[in-house]
Amino acid sequence: QVQLVESGGGLVQAGGSLRLSCAASGRTLSTYHMGWFRQAPGKEREFVAAVSWNGGSTYYASSVKGRFTISRDNAKSTVYLQMNSLKPEDTAVYYCAARLGLLQINYGLGSAYNYWGQGTQVTVSS
């Protein structure tokens, strides 16, 4: 079992930055690929970014590429999402998730992730 807890969300103006953190407990995080997803009110959950177990591969949704950066520190069992140049359409609850398997095949598929955090709210004002 892996327990995930997100933090770092909040209210920010458009153009601003936030860094989300996802701390893991239970089994070591270093064996899991990690992803960030988000869900806005009235919309389906969508993929944001993913990183392989060793940080060697990263994947991004086209809507955030160039603005967001996913990283991890396995020694701290923590995954980060640095979000720059935030836009009002980035407003959502952000979730981190953990999974095994071949990340490059379906990194954006939420059902492929085994463990989820409770989410942290990000609100971007215009």
C-alpha atoms as a PDB file:
ATOM      1  CA  GLN A   1       0.000   0.000   0.000  1.00  0.00           C
ATOM      2  CA  VAL A   2       1.084   3.531  -0.774  1.00  0.00           C
ATOM      3  CA  GLN A   3      -0.474   6.560   0.858  1.00  0.00           C
ATOM      4  CA  LEU A   4      -0.195   9.833  -1.052  1.00  0.00           C
ATOM      5  CA  VAL A   5      -0.758  13.321   0.328  1.00  0.00           C
ATOM      6  CA  GLU A   6      -0.724  16.405  -1.889  1.00  0.00           C
ATOM      7  CA  SER A   7       0.057  19.923  -0.719  1.00  0.00           C
ATOM      8  CA  GLY A   8       0.958  23.310  -2.122  1.00  0.00           C
ATOM      9  CA  GLY A   9      -2.291  24.294  -3.742  1.00  0.00           C
ATOM     10  CA  GLY A  10      -3.841  27.710  -3.304  1.00  0.00           C
ATOM     11  CA  LEU A  11      -5.044  30.871  -4.972  1.00  0.00           C
ATOM     12  CA  VAL A  12      -2.734  32.612  -7.434  1.00  0.00           C
ATOM     13  CA  GLN A  13      -3.120  35.289 -10.080  1.00  0.00           C
ATOM     14  CA  ALA A  14      -2.792  34.495 -13.748  1.00  0.00           C
ATOM     15  CA  GLY A  15       0.853  34.407 -14.754  1.00  0.00           C
ATOM     16  CA  GLY A  16       1.926  33.303 -11.299  1.00  0.00           C
ATOM     17  CA  SER A  17       3.527  30.082 -10.096  1.00  0.00           C
ATOM     18  CA  LEU A  18       2.844  27.308  -7.629  1.00  0.00           C
ATOM     19  CA  ARG A  19       4.705  24.162  -6.687  1.00  0.00           C
ATOM     20  CA  LEU A  20       2.685  21.148  -5.700  1.00  0.00           C
ATOM     21  CA  SER A  21       4.158  18.356  -3.623  1.00  0.00           C
ATOM     22  CA  CYS A  22       3.046  14.772  -3.225  1.00  0.00           C
ATOM     23  CA  ALA A  23       4.468  12.956  -0.232  1.00  0.00           C
ATOM     24  CA  ALA A  24       4.278   9.190  -0.060  1.00  0.00           C
ATOM     25  CA  SER A  25       4.271   6.844   2.879  1.00  0.00           C
ATOM     26  CA  GLY A  26       3.978   3.112   3.161  1.00  0.00           C
ATOM     27  CA  ARG A  27       5.925   1.290   0.520  1.00  0.00           C
ATOM     28  CA  THR A  28       8.925   3.027  -0.999  1.00  0.00           C
ATOM     29  CA  LEU A  29       8.030   5.460  -3.731  1.00  0.00           C
ATOM     30  CA  SER A  30      11.110   4.653  -5.786  1.00  0.00           C
ATOM     31  CA  THR A  31       9.523   1.592  -7.387  1.00  0.00           C
ATOM     32  CA  TYR A  32       6.507   3.500  -8.728  1.00  0.00           C
ATOM     33  CA  HIS A  33       5.945   5.711 -11.708  1.00  0.00           C
ATOM     34  CA  MET A  34       4.105   8.868 -10.662  1.00  0.00           C
ATOM     35  CA  GLY A  35       1.541  11.063 -12.324  1.00  0.00           C
ATOM     36  CA  TRP A  36      -0.396  14.251 -11.784  1.00  0.00           C
ATOM     37  CA  PHE A  37      -3.995  14.597 -12.903  1.00  0.00           C
ATOM     38  CA  ARG A  38      -6.525  17.358 -12.456  1.00  0.00           C
ATOM     39  CA  GLN A  39     -10.272  17.746 -12.440  1.00  0.00           C
ATOM     40  CA  ALA A  40     -12.120  21.008 -12.917  1.00  0.00           C
ATOM     41  CA  PRO A  41     -15.748  21.460 -11.828  1.00  0.00           C
ATOM     42  CA  GLY A  42     -18.096  19.809 -14.279  1.00  0.00           C
ATOM     43  CA  LYS A  43     -15.268  18.290 -16.273  1.00  0.00           C
ATOM     44  CA  GLU A  44     -13.671  14.889 -16.472  1.00  0.00           C
ATOM     45  CA  ARG A  45     -10.364  14.155 -14.827  1.00  0.00           C
ATOM     46  CA  GLU A  46      -7.466  14.799 -17.183  1.00  0.00           C
ATOM     47  CA  PHE A  47      -3.822  13.846 -17.340  1.00  0.00           C
ATOM     48  CA  VAL A  48      -1.269  16.569 -16.561  1.00  0.00           C
ATOM     49  CA  ALA A  49       2.179  14.995 -16.259  1.00  0.00           C
ATOM     50  CA  ALA A  50       3.988  11.773 -15.420  1.00  0.00           C
ATOM     51  CA  VAL A  51       7.482  10.745 -14.436  1.00  0.00           C
ATOM     52  CA  SER A  52       9.125   7.334 -14.501  1.00  0.00           C
ATOM     53  CA  TRP A  53      10.326   5.596 -11.358  1.00  0.00           C
ATOM     54  CA  ASN A  54      13.879   6.944 -11.677  1.00  0.00           C
ATOM     55  CA  GLY A  55      12.997  10.342 -13.127  1.00  0.00           C
ATOM     56  CA  GLY A  56      14.515   9.423 -16.455  1.00  0.00           C
ATOM     57  CA  SER A  57      11.368   9.909 -18.513  1.00  0.00           C
ATOM     58  CA  THR A  58       8.720  12.581 -18.273  1.00  0.00           C
ATOM     59  CA  TYR A  59       5.458  13.100 -20.138  1.00  0.00           C
ATOM     60  CA  TYR A  60       3.171  16.114 -20.335  1.00  0.00           C
ATOM     61  CA  ALA A  61      -0.236  17.034 -21.600  1.00  0.00           C
ATOM     62  CA  SER A  62      -0.002  19.432 -24.511  1.00  0.00           C
ATOM     63  CA  SER A  63      -1.919  22.049 -22.530  1.00  0.00           C
ATOM     64  CA  VAL A  64       0.824  22.315 -19.887  1.00  0.00           C
ATOM     65  CA  LYS A  65       3.976  21.480 -21.825  1.00  0.00           C
ATOM     66  CA  GLY A  66       6.532  24.233 -21.462  1.00  0.00           C
ATOM     67  CA  ARG A  67       4.815  25.647 -18.382  1.00  0.00           C
ATOM     68  CA  PHE A  68       4.749  22.739 -15.925  1.00  0.00           C
ATOM     69  CA  THR A  69       7.629  20.545 -14.771  1.00  0.00           C
ATOM     70  CA  ILE A  70       7.297  17.236 -12.957  1.00  0.00           C
ATOM     71  CA  SER A  71      10.171  15.961 -10.838  1.00  0.00           C
ATOM     72  CA  ARG A  72      10.786  13.559  -8.005  1.00  0.00           C
ATOM     73  CA  ASP A  73      13.094  13.024  -5.059  1.00  0.00           C
ATOM     74  CA  ASN A  74      13.027   9.350  -4.178  1.00  0.00           C
ATOM     75  CA  ALA A  75      15.132   9.903  -1.078  1.00  0.00           C
ATOM     76  CA  LYS A  76      12.327  12.100   0.246  1.00  0.00           C
ATOM     77  CA  SER A  77       9.560   9.964  -1.263  1.00  0.00           C
ATOM     78  CA  THR A  78       8.161  13.119  -2.810  1.00  0.00           C
ATOM     79  CA  VAL A  79       7.028  14.128  -6.266  1.00  0.00           C
ATOM     80  CA  TYR A  80       6.688  17.734  -7.363  1.00  0.00           C
ATOM     81  CA  LEU A  81       4.785  19.668  -9.970  1.00  0.00           C
ATOM     82  CA  GLN A  82       6.211  23.100 -10.671  1.00  0.00           C
ATOM     83  CA  MET A  83       3.549  25.189 -12.374  1.00  0.00           C
ATOM     84  CA  ASN A  84       4.557  28.440 -14.057  1.00  0.00           C
ATOM     85  CA  SER A  85       2.661  30.933 -16.205  1.00  0.00           C
ATOM     86  CA  LEU A  86      -0.584  29.749 -14.700  1.00  0.00           C
ATOM     87  CA  LYS A  87      -3.827  30.429 -16.524  1.00  0.00           C
ATOM     88  CA  PRO A  88      -7.421  30.551 -15.247  1.00  0.00           C
ATOM     89  CA  GLU A  89      -8.097  27.333 -17.164  1.00  0.00           C
ATOM     90  CA  ASP A  90      -5.551  25.574 -14.923  1.00  0.00           C
ATOM     91  CA  THR A  91      -8.012  25.920 -12.054  1.00  0.00           C
ATOM     92  CA  ALA A  92      -8.824  22.426 -10.772  1.00  0.00           C
ATOM     93  CA  VAL A  93      -8.264  19.927  -8.015  1.00  0.00           C
ATOM     94  CA  TYR A  94      -4.880  18.337  -8.631  1.00  0.00           C
ATOM     95  CA  TYR A  95      -4.256  14.717  -7.746  1.00  0.00           C
ATOM     96  CA  CYS A  96      -1.069  12.693  -7.650  1.00  0.00           C
ATOM     97  CA  ALA A  97      -1.110   9.009  -8.410  1.00  0.00           C
ATOM     98  CA  ALA A  98       1.263   6.049  -8.370  1.00  0.00           C
ATOM     99  CA  ARG A  99       1.509   3.037 -10.641  1.00  0.00           C
ATOM    100  CA  LEU A 100       3.668   0.180 -11.838  1.00  0.00           C
ATOM    101  CA  GLY A 101       3.921  -1.269 -15.340  1.00  0.00           C
ATOM    102  CA  LEU A 102       5.152   0.191 -18.620  1.00  0.00           C
ATOM    103  CA  LEU A 103       4.649   3.914 -18.219  1.00  0.00           C
ATOM    104  CA  GLN A 104       5.354   4.828 -21.834  1.00  0.00           C
ATOM    105  CA  ILE A 105       2.376   2.821 -23.069  1.00  0.00           C
ATOM    106  CA  ASN A 106      -0.470   4.507 -21.231  1.00  0.00           C
ATOM    107  CA  TYR A 107       0.949   7.201 -18.991  1.00  0.00           C
ATOM    108  CA  GLY A 108      -2.133   9.347 -19.422  1.00  0.00           C
ATOM    109  CA  LEU A 109      -4.669   6.691 -18.486  1.00  0.00           C
ATOM    110  CA  GLY A 110      -6.010   7.255 -15.001  1.00  0.00           C
ATOM    111  CA  SER A 111      -7.260   3.699 -14.616  1.00  0.00           C
ATOM    112  CA  ALA A 112      -3.673   2.455 -14.970  1.00  0.00           C
ATOM    113  CA  TYR A 113      -2.719   4.124 -11.681  1.00  0.00           C
ATOM    114  CA  ASN A 114      -3.113   2.109  -8.510  1.00  0.00           C
ATOM    115  CA  TYR A 115      -2.928   4.697  -5.745  1.00  0.00           C
ATOM    116  CA  TRP A 116      -4.323   8.218  -5.504  1.00  0.00           C
ATOM    117  CA  GLY A 117      -4.044  11.147  -3.142  1.00  0.00           C
ATOM    118  CA  GLN A 118      -6.957  13.201  -1.854  1.00  0.00           C
ATOM    119  CA  GLY A 119      -6.200  16.189  -4.059  1.00  0.00           C
ATOM    120  CA  THR A 120      -5.251  19.825  -3.571  1.00  0.00           C
ATOM    121  CA  GLN A 121      -7.171  22.800  -4.944  1.00  0.00           C
ATOM    122  CA  VAL A 122      -5.480  25.196  -7.356  1.00  0.00           C
ATOM    123  CA  THR A 123      -7.354  28.361  -8.254  1.00  0.00           C
ATOM    124  CA  VAL A 124      -6.009  30.827 -10.800  1.00  0.00           C
ATOM    125  CA  SER A 125      -7.701  34.213 -10.909  1.00  0.00           C
ATOM    126  CA  SER A 126      -7.767  36.377 -14.010  1.00  0.00           C
END
